[in-house]
Amino acid sequence: MQNLWSRLSVLCKDMMLFAYPATQFIKIRVAFCLALLMLIAAPAQALTTPSIAARSWILFDVTSHQTLASREPNLRIEPASLTKLMTAYLVFEAIKEGKLSFSQEIKVTPSVWKLHPEAAKMFIDPALPVTVENLLSGLLVQSANDAAIALAEAVDKNETVFVERMNRTAARLGLTATHFVNSHGQTDSQHYSTARDLSVLALQVFNEFPEHYKIFSAKHFSYNKISQSNRNRLLWLDTTVDGIKTGQTNTAGYSLIASAVRPNGITNRRLLSVVIGADSDLARTQESQKLLNWGFLQFDTVKLYTKNQAIVNPPVWKGSQATVPLGFNYDVYVSLPRGMLSKVKPVIERPDPLIAPITQYANVATLKVMGDGKVLVELPLQALEQVNSASLFGRAMDSLRLFFQSKH
C-alpha cells in the first residue's frame, strides 16, 4: 500500500500545471492529484462491450453525464408505451405550473374507455371518481392507455392538441428523431423515436421532477377493485433499481428503460439503461440487468472538480482584470474504465489570445480527459467570473502588445 501511495504521489508531481504557448491554442496539463490520491488504481484490462440481445440499446451514467456504451442508439424504433414518459412529463409540467393538482378529480369522456380490446388499461369507470394521482399511477405502474388519454384530455381538452404539445416539447428537449401521434404508444408508422432520444427524455423526467420519480418505483396499484403489478420486473429482482418504464407491442417487441443507484466510494452513482426490442418480458429484464451490472463493474466514477473551483487562471487581454479563473458551474464527475486511472492525462485547450469582454459562465475553453491517446471525455470549460472591457487606453495598449507579440 505504501508503494502505491508513493507511485501516485510521483504521478501527481508529474501532472502539475504546465502551459505550452502555441499559435492557435495553449494546451495546459492540469493536476489531478486530489482525485488520484482518493482512488486505488485497478489493473488495466481490455474493456469489452457487453452483448445485449436487443435491437438497440444505450447505457448512460447519470452521475457523470456520459454514455458508457451503446448499440444502434440512433436506430428508428417504435417506442410503444415508453411514449408514456412524455405524457407523464407534460402532466408533471402542468402540475408545476398550477394547471392541475394531484387531488383534482378528472371527468372522463367516452374516448377514454373505447380503446382497442388488447390495450393495457386501469379500467376507468366513468361512474367512479378518478384523480390525477390515480391516473398517473395507472399510467406509470399499470402502463394504462386509458389513463394516458384521460390525462391528455385533462391537460389540453383533447388528445390531438396534447399530441401537438408532445411534439413541440420533443423539439425543445432536442429529441430530433422522435415524433408522436398519440399519448399512449399504440402502433403507427409515424409514431417513432430512438434509444438515444428516449434516454434524454427519461433523464429530463428525472432531473426536472425528482419529487414525482417515486411513482415509477411502485410495484402495485389498485383502482376500481382491480390491482395490477408494475411490468418492470427489475423492481423485484434488484433492490438498487428504482424505475422507470416498460414498453411492448407485437411489432415493437419488449423494451425497458431502467435506472439503478449503487454506492460509489463516498457518493452514490446512478446508471440508466435503455433496451429496445427484446424478444420477451424475461429477455428485456435479463438484458437490462446485464447492462446495468456491466456498467457498475467496469467503470469507476471520479469527482474531478467542485462547482466554481478555479482550475486555471489564464491571462485576459483588453479586460478590466489581468486574468480570469476557469472552471465549471457544477460538480464534475468523470466515469473511467477500471484500470484507466493511472493513464489519465487531462488537457485544457483554449484560444489564445483570450479577449474581453467575457460573460460569467461563458464557454471559453475545452477540458479533454485523455487516456491511452484517446479522448475519454470532453467538457466545455467556463469563465467563473465576468470580465468587462478595459478602458480605451487599456484596450489600445493591449492591442499594441498583441501586434508586436504576433511579429515574434
Protein backbone atom coordinates (compact mmCIF):
# COMPACT_ATOMS: atom_id res chain seq x y z
CA MET A 1 0.00 0.00 0.00
CA GLN A 2 2.87 2.38 0.85
CA ASN A 3 4.46 1.76 -2.56
CA LEU A 4 1.14 2.52 -4.26
CA TRP A 5 0.81 5.85 -2.47
CA SER A 6 4.40 6.68 -3.43
CA ARG A 7 3.72 5.95 -7.10
CA LEU A 8 0.56 8.06 -7.05
CA SER A 9 2.45 10.94 -5.38
CA VAL A 10 5.09 10.85 -8.12
CA LEU A 11 2.35 10.78 -10.75
CA CYS A 12 0.76 13.85 -9.18
CA LYS A 13 4.03 15.75 -9.34
CA ASP A 14 4.44 14.82 -12.98
CA MET A 15 0.94 16.15 -13.72
CA MET A 16 1.34 19.57 -12.08
CA LEU A 17 0.26 22.60 -14.07
CA PHE A 18 2.24 23.36 -17.24
CA ALA A 19 1.47 25.87 -20.01
CA TYR A 20 2.63 25.50 -23.59
CA PRO A 21 2.13 28.57 -25.84
CA ALA A 22 1.08 27.81 -29.41
CA THR A 23 -0.13 29.83 -32.38
CA GLN A 24 -3.79 28.85 -32.09
CA PHE A 25 -4.13 27.03 -28.80
CA ILE A 26 -2.46 26.72 -25.44
CA LYS A 27 -2.54 23.20 -24.03
CA ILE A 28 -2.35 23.01 -20.29
CA ARG A 29 -1.82 19.81 -18.33
CA VAL A 30 -3.83 20.04 -15.13
CA ALA A 31 -3.01 18.37 -11.82
CA PHE A 32 -5.46 15.63 -10.87
CA CYS A 33 -3.65 14.92 -7.60
CA LEU A 34 -6.64 15.17 -5.30
CA ALA A 35 -8.78 12.82 -7.36
CA LEU A 36 -5.90 10.39 -7.96
CA LEU A 37 -4.92 10.07 -4.32
CA MET A 38 -8.53 9.29 -3.39
CA LEU A 39 -8.61 6.16 -5.57
CA ILE A 40 -6.74 2.87 -5.83
CA ALA A 41 -5.83 2.13 -9.43
CA ALA A 42 -7.05 -1.30 -10.58
CA PRO A 43 -5.02 -3.44 -13.02
CA ALA A 44 -5.63 -2.37 -16.60
CA GLN A 45 -7.98 -4.64 -18.52
CA ALA A 46 -9.34 -4.58 -22.04
CA LEU A 47 -12.90 -3.24 -21.94
CA THR A 48 -15.30 -5.45 -23.87
CA THR A 49 -18.72 -4.09 -24.74
CA PRO A 50 -21.47 -6.42 -23.48
CA SER A 51 -23.51 -8.49 -25.92
CA ILE A 52 -27.13 -7.41 -25.44
CA ALA A 53 -29.94 -9.30 -27.19
CA ALA A 54 -31.98 -6.30 -28.37
CA ARG A 55 -32.45 -4.20 -31.50
CA SER A 56 -30.80 -1.17 -29.95
CA TRP A 57 -29.62 -0.09 -26.52
CA ILE A 58 -27.73 2.56 -24.62
CA LEU A 59 -26.18 2.78 -21.15
CA PHE A 60 -25.83 6.25 -19.62
CA ASP A 61 -24.06 7.30 -16.41
CA VAL A 62 -26.35 9.92 -14.90
CA THR A 63 -23.75 10.95 -12.33
CA SER A 64 -21.04 11.81 -14.86
CA HIS A 65 -23.39 12.61 -17.81
CA GLN A 66 -21.56 10.11 -20.01
CA THR A 67 -22.70 7.43 -22.43
CA LEU A 68 -20.77 4.34 -21.35
CA ALA A 69 -21.77 2.07 -24.24
CA SER A 70 -24.41 1.73 -26.94
CA ARG A 71 -25.50 -0.24 -29.98
CA GLU A 72 -27.58 1.36 -32.74
CA PRO A 73 -28.68 4.18 -30.41
CA ASN A 74 -29.99 6.26 -33.34
CA LEU A 75 -31.96 3.45 -34.96
CA ARG A 76 -35.59 4.49 -35.55
CA ILE A 77 -37.76 2.31 -33.33
CA GLU A 78 -41.34 2.05 -32.17
CA PRO A 79 -41.43 3.40 -28.59
CA ALA A 80 -44.70 1.65 -27.64
CA SER A 81 -45.58 2.50 -24.02
CA LEU A 82 -42.27 4.28 -23.47
CA THR A 83 -44.32 7.09 -25.07
CA LYS A 84 -45.97 7.49 -21.68
CA LEU A 85 -42.79 9.11 -20.35
CA MET A 86 -43.61 12.17 -22.45
CA THR A 87 -47.23 12.07 -21.31
CA ALA A 88 -46.07 11.97 -17.69
CA TYR A 89 -43.53 14.75 -18.32
CA LEU A 90 -46.26 17.07 -19.61
CA VAL A 91 -48.61 16.22 -16.72
CA PHE A 92 -45.80 16.91 -14.22
CA GLU A 93 -45.21 20.20 -16.01
CA ALA A 94 -48.93 21.10 -15.79
CA ILE A 95 -48.88 20.33 -12.05
CA LYS A 96 -45.79 22.50 -11.58
CA GLU A 97 -47.49 25.36 -13.42
CA GLY A 98 -50.65 25.01 -11.31
CA LYS A 99 -52.89 23.88 -14.19
CA LEU A 100 -53.53 20.53 -12.50
CA SER A 101 -53.21 19.12 -8.99
CA PHE A 102 -52.73 15.57 -7.74
CA SER A 103 -56.06 15.61 -5.88
CA GLN A 104 -58.04 17.06 -8.79
CA GLU A 105 -60.84 14.78 -9.99
CA ILE A 106 -60.98 14.25 -13.75
CA LYS A 107 -64.17 13.85 -15.75
CA VAL A 108 -63.53 11.21 -18.39
CA THR A 109 -65.02 11.18 -21.89
CA PRO A 110 -66.21 8.17 -23.93
CA SER A 111 -62.91 8.13 -25.85
CA VAL A 112 -61.14 7.05 -22.66
CA TRP A 113 -62.81 3.65 -22.36
CA LYS A 114 -63.43 2.96 -26.07
CA LEU A 115 -59.94 1.55 -26.62
CA HIS A 116 -58.67 -1.45 -28.55
CA PRO A 117 -59.63 -4.60 -26.59
CA GLU A 118 -55.97 -5.62 -26.19
CA ALA A 119 -54.79 -2.24 -24.94
CA ALA A 120 -53.46 -2.05 -21.38
CA LYS A 121 -55.99 -0.37 -19.08
CA MET A 122 -56.56 0.64 -15.48
CA PHE A 123 -60.30 0.10 -16.22
CA ILE A 124 -61.52 3.61 -15.54
CA ASP A 125 -65.18 3.64 -14.55
CA PRO A 126 -66.95 6.86 -15.60
CA ALA A 127 -69.26 6.40 -12.60
CA LEU A 128 -66.35 6.48 -10.13
CA PRO A 129 -64.19 9.48 -9.24
CA VAL A 130 -60.63 9.36 -10.59
CA THR A 131 -57.92 11.81 -9.59
CA VAL A 132 -54.80 12.97 -11.41
CA GLU A 133 -52.80 10.99 -8.86
CA ASN A 134 -54.81 7.83 -9.68
CA LEU A 135 -54.27 8.38 -13.38
CA LEU A 136 -50.52 8.92 -13.03
CA SER A 137 -50.21 5.68 -11.08
CA GLY A 138 -52.28 3.88 -13.70
CA LEU A 139 -50.14 5.42 -16.44
CA LEU A 140 -46.73 4.56 -14.97
CA VAL A 141 -47.37 1.44 -12.88
CA GLN A 142 -50.00 -0.33 -14.97
CA SER A 143 -48.99 1.33 -18.28
CA ALA A 144 -52.66 2.08 -18.83
CA ASN A 145 -53.69 3.57 -22.18
CA ASP A 146 -56.99 4.82 -20.81
CA ALA A 147 -55.06 6.78 -18.17
CA ALA A 148 -52.89 8.33 -20.91
CA ILE A 149 -55.91 9.61 -22.85
CA ALA A 150 -57.64 10.87 -19.70
CA LEU A 151 -54.51 12.80 -18.68
CA ALA A 152 -54.05 14.19 -22.19
CA GLU A 153 -57.62 15.49 -22.13
CA ALA A 154 -57.09 16.90 -18.62
CA VAL A 155 -54.13 18.97 -19.86
CA ASP A 156 -55.42 20.02 -23.30
CA LYS A 157 -59.12 19.12 -23.52
CA ASN A 158 -58.48 16.66 -26.35
CA GLU A 159 -55.71 14.23 -27.26
CA THR A 160 -54.98 15.77 -30.67
CA VAL A 161 -53.97 19.10 -29.13
CA PHE A 162 -51.98 17.27 -26.45
CA VAL A 163 -50.03 15.35 -29.10
CA GLU A 164 -49.10 18.65 -30.72
CA ARG A 165 -47.75 19.70 -27.34
CA MET A 166 -45.81 16.42 -27.11
CA ASN A 167 -44.07 17.13 -30.42
CA ARG A 168 -43.29 20.76 -29.55
CA THR A 169 -41.79 19.58 -26.28
CA ALA A 170 -39.79 16.87 -28.04
CA ALA A 171 -38.27 19.55 -30.28
CA ARG A 172 -37.50 21.76 -27.28
CA LEU A 173 -35.75 18.91 -25.46
CA GLY A 174 -33.65 18.08 -28.50
CA LEU A 175 -35.39 14.81 -29.39
CA THR A 176 -34.65 15.30 -33.08
CA ALA A 177 -35.50 11.73 -34.14
CA THR A 178 -38.85 11.48 -32.32
CA HIS A 179 -42.42 12.03 -33.48
CA PHE A 180 -45.66 11.24 -31.65
CA VAL A 181 -49.18 10.66 -32.96
CA ASN A 182 -50.83 9.54 -29.70
CA SER A 183 -50.35 9.81 -25.94
CA HIS A 184 -50.01 6.10 -25.16
CA GLY A 185 -47.83 4.42 -27.80
CA GLN A 186 -50.12 2.22 -29.88
CA THR A 187 -48.52 1.32 -33.21
CA ASP A 188 -48.47 3.89 -36.01
CA SER A 189 -45.93 4.30 -38.80
CA GLN A 190 -45.50 7.99 -37.89
CA HIS A 191 -45.01 7.28 -34.19
CA TYR A 192 -41.30 6.71 -33.63
CA SER A 193 -38.21 7.51 -31.58
CA THR A 194 -34.69 6.20 -30.82
CA ALA A 195 -32.93 4.74 -27.80
CA ARG A 196 -30.86 7.92 -27.53
CA ASP A 197 -33.86 10.24 -27.60
CA LEU A 198 -35.67 8.12 -25.03
CA SER A 199 -32.65 8.22 -22.73
CA VAL A 200 -32.68 12.03 -22.95
CA LEU A 201 -36.42 12.10 -22.19
CA ALA A 202 -36.01 9.79 -19.19
CA LEU A 203 -33.23 12.00 -17.84
CA GLN A 204 -35.39 15.10 -18.23
CA VAL A 205 -38.20 13.46 -16.26
CA PHE A 206 -35.76 12.52 -13.51
CA ASN A 207 -33.86 15.82 -13.43
CA GLU A 208 -36.82 18.19 -13.67
CA PHE A 209 -39.33 16.34 -11.49
CA PRO A 210 -37.39 14.26 -8.91
CA GLU A 211 -40.20 14.73 -6.40
CA HIS A 212 -42.51 12.63 -8.62
CA TYR A 213 -39.99 9.94 -9.53
CA LYS A 214 -41.17 7.69 -6.67
CA ILE A 215 -44.27 6.82 -8.73
CA PHE A 216 -42.05 4.79 -11.08
CA SER A 217 -40.90 2.54 -8.24
CA ALA A 218 -44.37 1.45 -7.08
CA LYS A 219 -44.76 -2.32 -7.51
CA HIS A 220 -48.56 -2.38 -7.47
CA PHE A 221 -51.52 -0.07 -7.98
CA SER A 222 -55.22 -0.71 -7.35
CA TYR A 223 -58.21 1.10 -8.80
CA ASN A 224 -61.84 0.08 -9.18
CA LYS A 225 -61.07 -3.01 -7.03
CA ILE A 226 -58.57 -4.17 -9.65
CA SER A 227 -54.92 -4.50 -8.62
CA GLN A 228 -52.15 -4.72 -11.23
CA SER A 229 -48.39 -5.08 -10.91
CA ASN A 230 -45.65 -2.90 -12.34
CA ARG A 231 -44.32 -4.51 -15.52
CA ASN A 232 -40.74 -3.56 -14.61
CA ARG A 233 -39.64 -6.90 -13.11
CA LEU A 234 -36.27 -5.50 -12.04
CA LEU A 235 -38.07 -3.78 -9.15
CA TRP A 236 -38.40 -7.22 -7.58
CA LEU A 237 -35.06 -8.68 -8.69
CA ASP A 238 -32.65 -5.81 -7.94
CA THR A 239 -33.12 -3.62 -4.87
CA THR A 240 -30.95 -0.88 -6.41
CA VAL A 241 -33.38 -0.42 -9.33
CA ASP A 242 -35.98 2.31 -8.67
CA GLY A 243 -37.69 2.83 -12.07
CA ILE A 244 -38.53 3.64 -14.77
CA LYS A 245 -40.80 2.31 -17.67
CA THR A 246 -41.62 -0.66 -19.89
CA GLY A 247 -43.00 -0.80 -23.43
CA GLN A 248 -44.34 -3.60 -25.63
CA THR A 249 -46.34 -4.21 -28.78
CA ASN A 250 -46.30 -7.09 -31.26
CA THR A 251 -44.26 -5.06 -33.73
CA ALA A 252 -42.03 -3.21 -31.25
CA GLY A 253 -41.03 -6.19 -29.17
CA TYR A 254 -40.24 -5.80 -25.46
CA SER A 255 -38.46 -2.68 -24.23
CA LEU A 256 -37.37 -1.37 -20.85
CA ILE A 257 -35.83 1.80 -19.53
CA ALA A 258 -34.35 1.03 -16.12
CA SER A 259 -32.37 3.04 -13.60
CA ALA A 260 -30.33 1.92 -10.59
CA VAL A 261 -28.35 3.64 -7.84
CA ARG A 262 -25.40 1.90 -6.16
CA PRO A 263 -22.66 3.11 -3.79
CA ASN A 264 -19.54 4.51 -5.43
CA GLY A 265 -16.95 5.36 -2.78
CA ILE A 266 -18.13 8.41 -0.85
CA THR A 267 -21.14 9.04 -3.07
CA ASN A 268 -23.90 7.15 -4.90
CA ARG A 269 -23.84 6.56 -8.62
CA ARG A 270 -26.86 6.32 -10.93
CA LEU A 271 -26.95 4.48 -14.25
CA LEU A 272 -29.75 4.49 -16.83
CA SER A 273 -30.20 1.67 -19.34
CA VAL A 274 -32.44 1.70 -22.41
CA VAL A 275 -33.07 -1.70 -24.01
CA ILE A 276 -35.27 -1.70 -27.12
CA GLY A 277 -36.86 -4.63 -28.95
CA ALA A 278 -36.03 -7.70 -26.87
CA ASP A 279 -37.83 -10.95 -27.64
CA SER A 280 -39.76 -11.31 -24.38
CA ASP A 281 -40.51 -9.83 -20.98
CA LEU A 282 -37.87 -12.14 -19.48
CA ALA A 283 -35.30 -11.13 -22.11
CA ARG A 284 -35.73 -7.38 -21.61
CA THR A 285 -35.37 -7.91 -17.85
CA GLN A 286 -32.26 -10.06 -18.13
CA GLU A 287 -30.57 -7.86 -20.74
CA SER A 288 -31.26 -4.69 -18.76
CA GLN A 289 -29.84 -6.31 -15.63
CA LYS A 290 -26.77 -7.44 -17.57
CA LEU A 291 -26.21 -3.95 -18.95
CA LEU A 292 -26.54 -2.23 -15.57
CA ASN A 293 -24.24 -4.75 -13.85
CA TRP A 294 -21.63 -4.31 -16.59
CA GLY A 295 -21.65 -0.53 -16.17
CA PHE A 296 -21.26 -0.64 -12.42
CA LEU A 297 -18.50 -3.28 -12.55
CA GLN A 298 -16.45 -1.96 -15.46
CA PHE A 299 -16.33 1.77 -14.65
CA ASP A 300 -15.29 3.97 -11.76
CA THR A 301 -16.84 7.39 -11.37
CA VAL A 302 -14.43 10.03 -10.07
CA LYS A 303 -15.22 13.53 -8.82
CA LEU A 304 -12.67 15.75 -10.55
CA TYR A 305 -13.75 19.27 -9.67
CA THR A 306 -16.11 21.06 -7.32
CA LYS A 307 -18.56 23.65 -8.55
CA ASN A 308 -16.85 27.06 -9.04
CA GLN A 309 -13.40 25.60 -8.35
CA ALA A 310 -10.74 27.59 -10.27
CA ILE A 311 -8.73 25.11 -12.35
CA VAL A 312 -6.52 27.61 -14.15
CA ASN A 313 -6.25 31.41 -14.40
CA PRO A 314 -5.19 32.34 -17.94
CA PRO A 315 -4.38 35.93 -18.96
CA VAL A 316 -7.08 38.14 -20.44
CA TRP A 317 -6.36 40.86 -23.00
CA LYS A 318 -8.23 44.19 -23.23
CA GLY A 319 -10.01 43.39 -19.95
CA SER A 320 -10.72 45.10 -16.65
CA GLN A 321 -8.63 42.41 -14.94
CA ALA A 322 -5.45 40.61 -15.93
CA THR A 323 -6.66 37.02 -15.57
CA VAL A 324 -9.89 35.02 -15.38
CA PRO A 325 -10.49 31.81 -13.39
CA LEU A 326 -11.76 28.88 -15.46
CA GLY A 327 -13.80 26.01 -14.08
CA PHE A 328 -17.36 24.65 -14.04
CA ASN A 329 -20.65 25.87 -12.58
CA TYR A 330 -21.41 22.31 -11.46
CA ASP A 331 -19.59 19.44 -9.75
CA VAL A 332 -17.70 17.48 -12.39
CA TYR A 333 -17.69 13.69 -12.30
CA VAL A 334 -15.98 11.51 -14.89
CA SER A 335 -16.52 7.79 -15.48
CA LEU A 336 -13.36 5.89 -16.41
CA PRO A 337 -12.87 2.23 -17.34
CA ARG A 338 -11.32 0.42 -14.42
CA GLY A 339 -7.57 0.32 -14.82
CA MET A 340 -7.51 3.57 -16.78
CA LEU A 341 -6.90 5.87 -13.81
CA SER A 342 -3.10 5.79 -13.93
CA LYS A 343 -3.18 6.61 -17.66
CA VAL A 344 -5.36 9.68 -17.40
CA LYS A 345 -3.94 12.95 -18.74
CA PRO A 346 -6.28 15.95 -18.51
CA VAL A 347 -5.63 18.64 -21.12
CA ILE A 348 -7.16 22.09 -21.48
CA GLU A 349 -7.42 23.71 -24.89
CA ARG A 350 -8.27 27.39 -25.18
CA PRO A 351 -7.95 30.08 -27.83
CA ASP A 352 -5.02 32.44 -27.47
CA PRO A 353 -5.38 35.35 -27.02
CA LEU A 354 -8.41 35.42 -24.70
CA ILE A 355 -10.01 38.84 -25.23
CA ALA A 356 -12.56 40.66 -23.04
CA PRO A 357 -15.42 41.18 -22.59
CA ILE A 358 -16.22 37.72 -21.20
CA THR A 359 -19.55 36.89 -19.57
CA GLN A 360 -19.71 34.74 -16.45
CA TYR A 361 -20.06 31.01 -17.24
CA ALA A 362 -19.37 31.55 -20.94
CA ASN A 363 -17.72 28.53 -22.55
CA VAL A 364 -14.22 29.76 -23.34
CA ALA A 365 -12.15 26.57 -23.38
CA THR A 366 -12.35 22.78 -23.53
CA LEU A 367 -11.27 20.17 -21.00
CA LYS A 368 -10.25 16.86 -22.54
CA VAL A 369 -9.66 13.84 -20.35
CA MET A 370 -7.18 11.70 -22.29
CA GLY A 371 -6.33 8.03 -21.80
CA ASP A 372 -4.11 5.86 -24.00
CA GLY A 373 -4.00 8.69 -26.53
CA LYS A 374 -7.82 8.80 -26.82
CA VAL A 375 -10.29 11.43 -25.65
CA LEU A 376 -12.34 9.76 -22.91
CA VAL A 377 -14.40 12.83 -22.01
CA GLU A 378 -14.66 16.31 -23.48
CA LEU A 379 -16.29 19.13 -21.50
CA PRO A 380 -16.74 22.89 -22.09
CA LEU A 381 -14.69 24.92 -19.59
CA GLN A 382 -16.33 28.08 -18.30
CA ALA A 383 -15.26 31.52 -17.14
CA LEU A 384 -16.15 31.67 -13.46
CA GLU A 385 -16.17 35.49 -13.39
CA GLN A 386 -17.36 38.23 -15.69
CA VAL A 387 -14.55 40.27 -17.25
CA ASN A 388 -15.54 43.68 -18.55
CA SER A 389 -13.68 45.59 -21.23
CA ALA A 390 -10.77 47.73 -20.13
CA SER A 391 -10.66 51.48 -20.61
CA LEU A 392 -9.95 52.91 -24.05
CA PHE A 393 -6.29 53.41 -23.09
CA GLY A 394 -6.03 49.85 -21.70
CA ARG A 395 -7.52 48.33 -24.84
CA ALA A 396 -5.18 50.38 -27.03
CA MET A 397 -2.12 49.29 -25.05
CA ASP A 398 -3.11 45.62 -25.26
CA SER A 399 -3.72 45.96 -28.99
CA LEU A 400 -0.16 47.24 -29.42
CA ARG A 401 1.25 44.44 -27.26
CA LEU A 402 -0.65 41.84 -29.25
CA PHE A 403 0.57 43.37 -32.52
CA PHE A 404 4.23 43.25 -31.53
CA GLN A 405 3.82 39.80 -29.97
CA SER A 406 2.46 38.45 -33.27
CA LYS A 407 5.60 39.71 -35.04
CA HIS A 408 7.85 37.49 -32.88
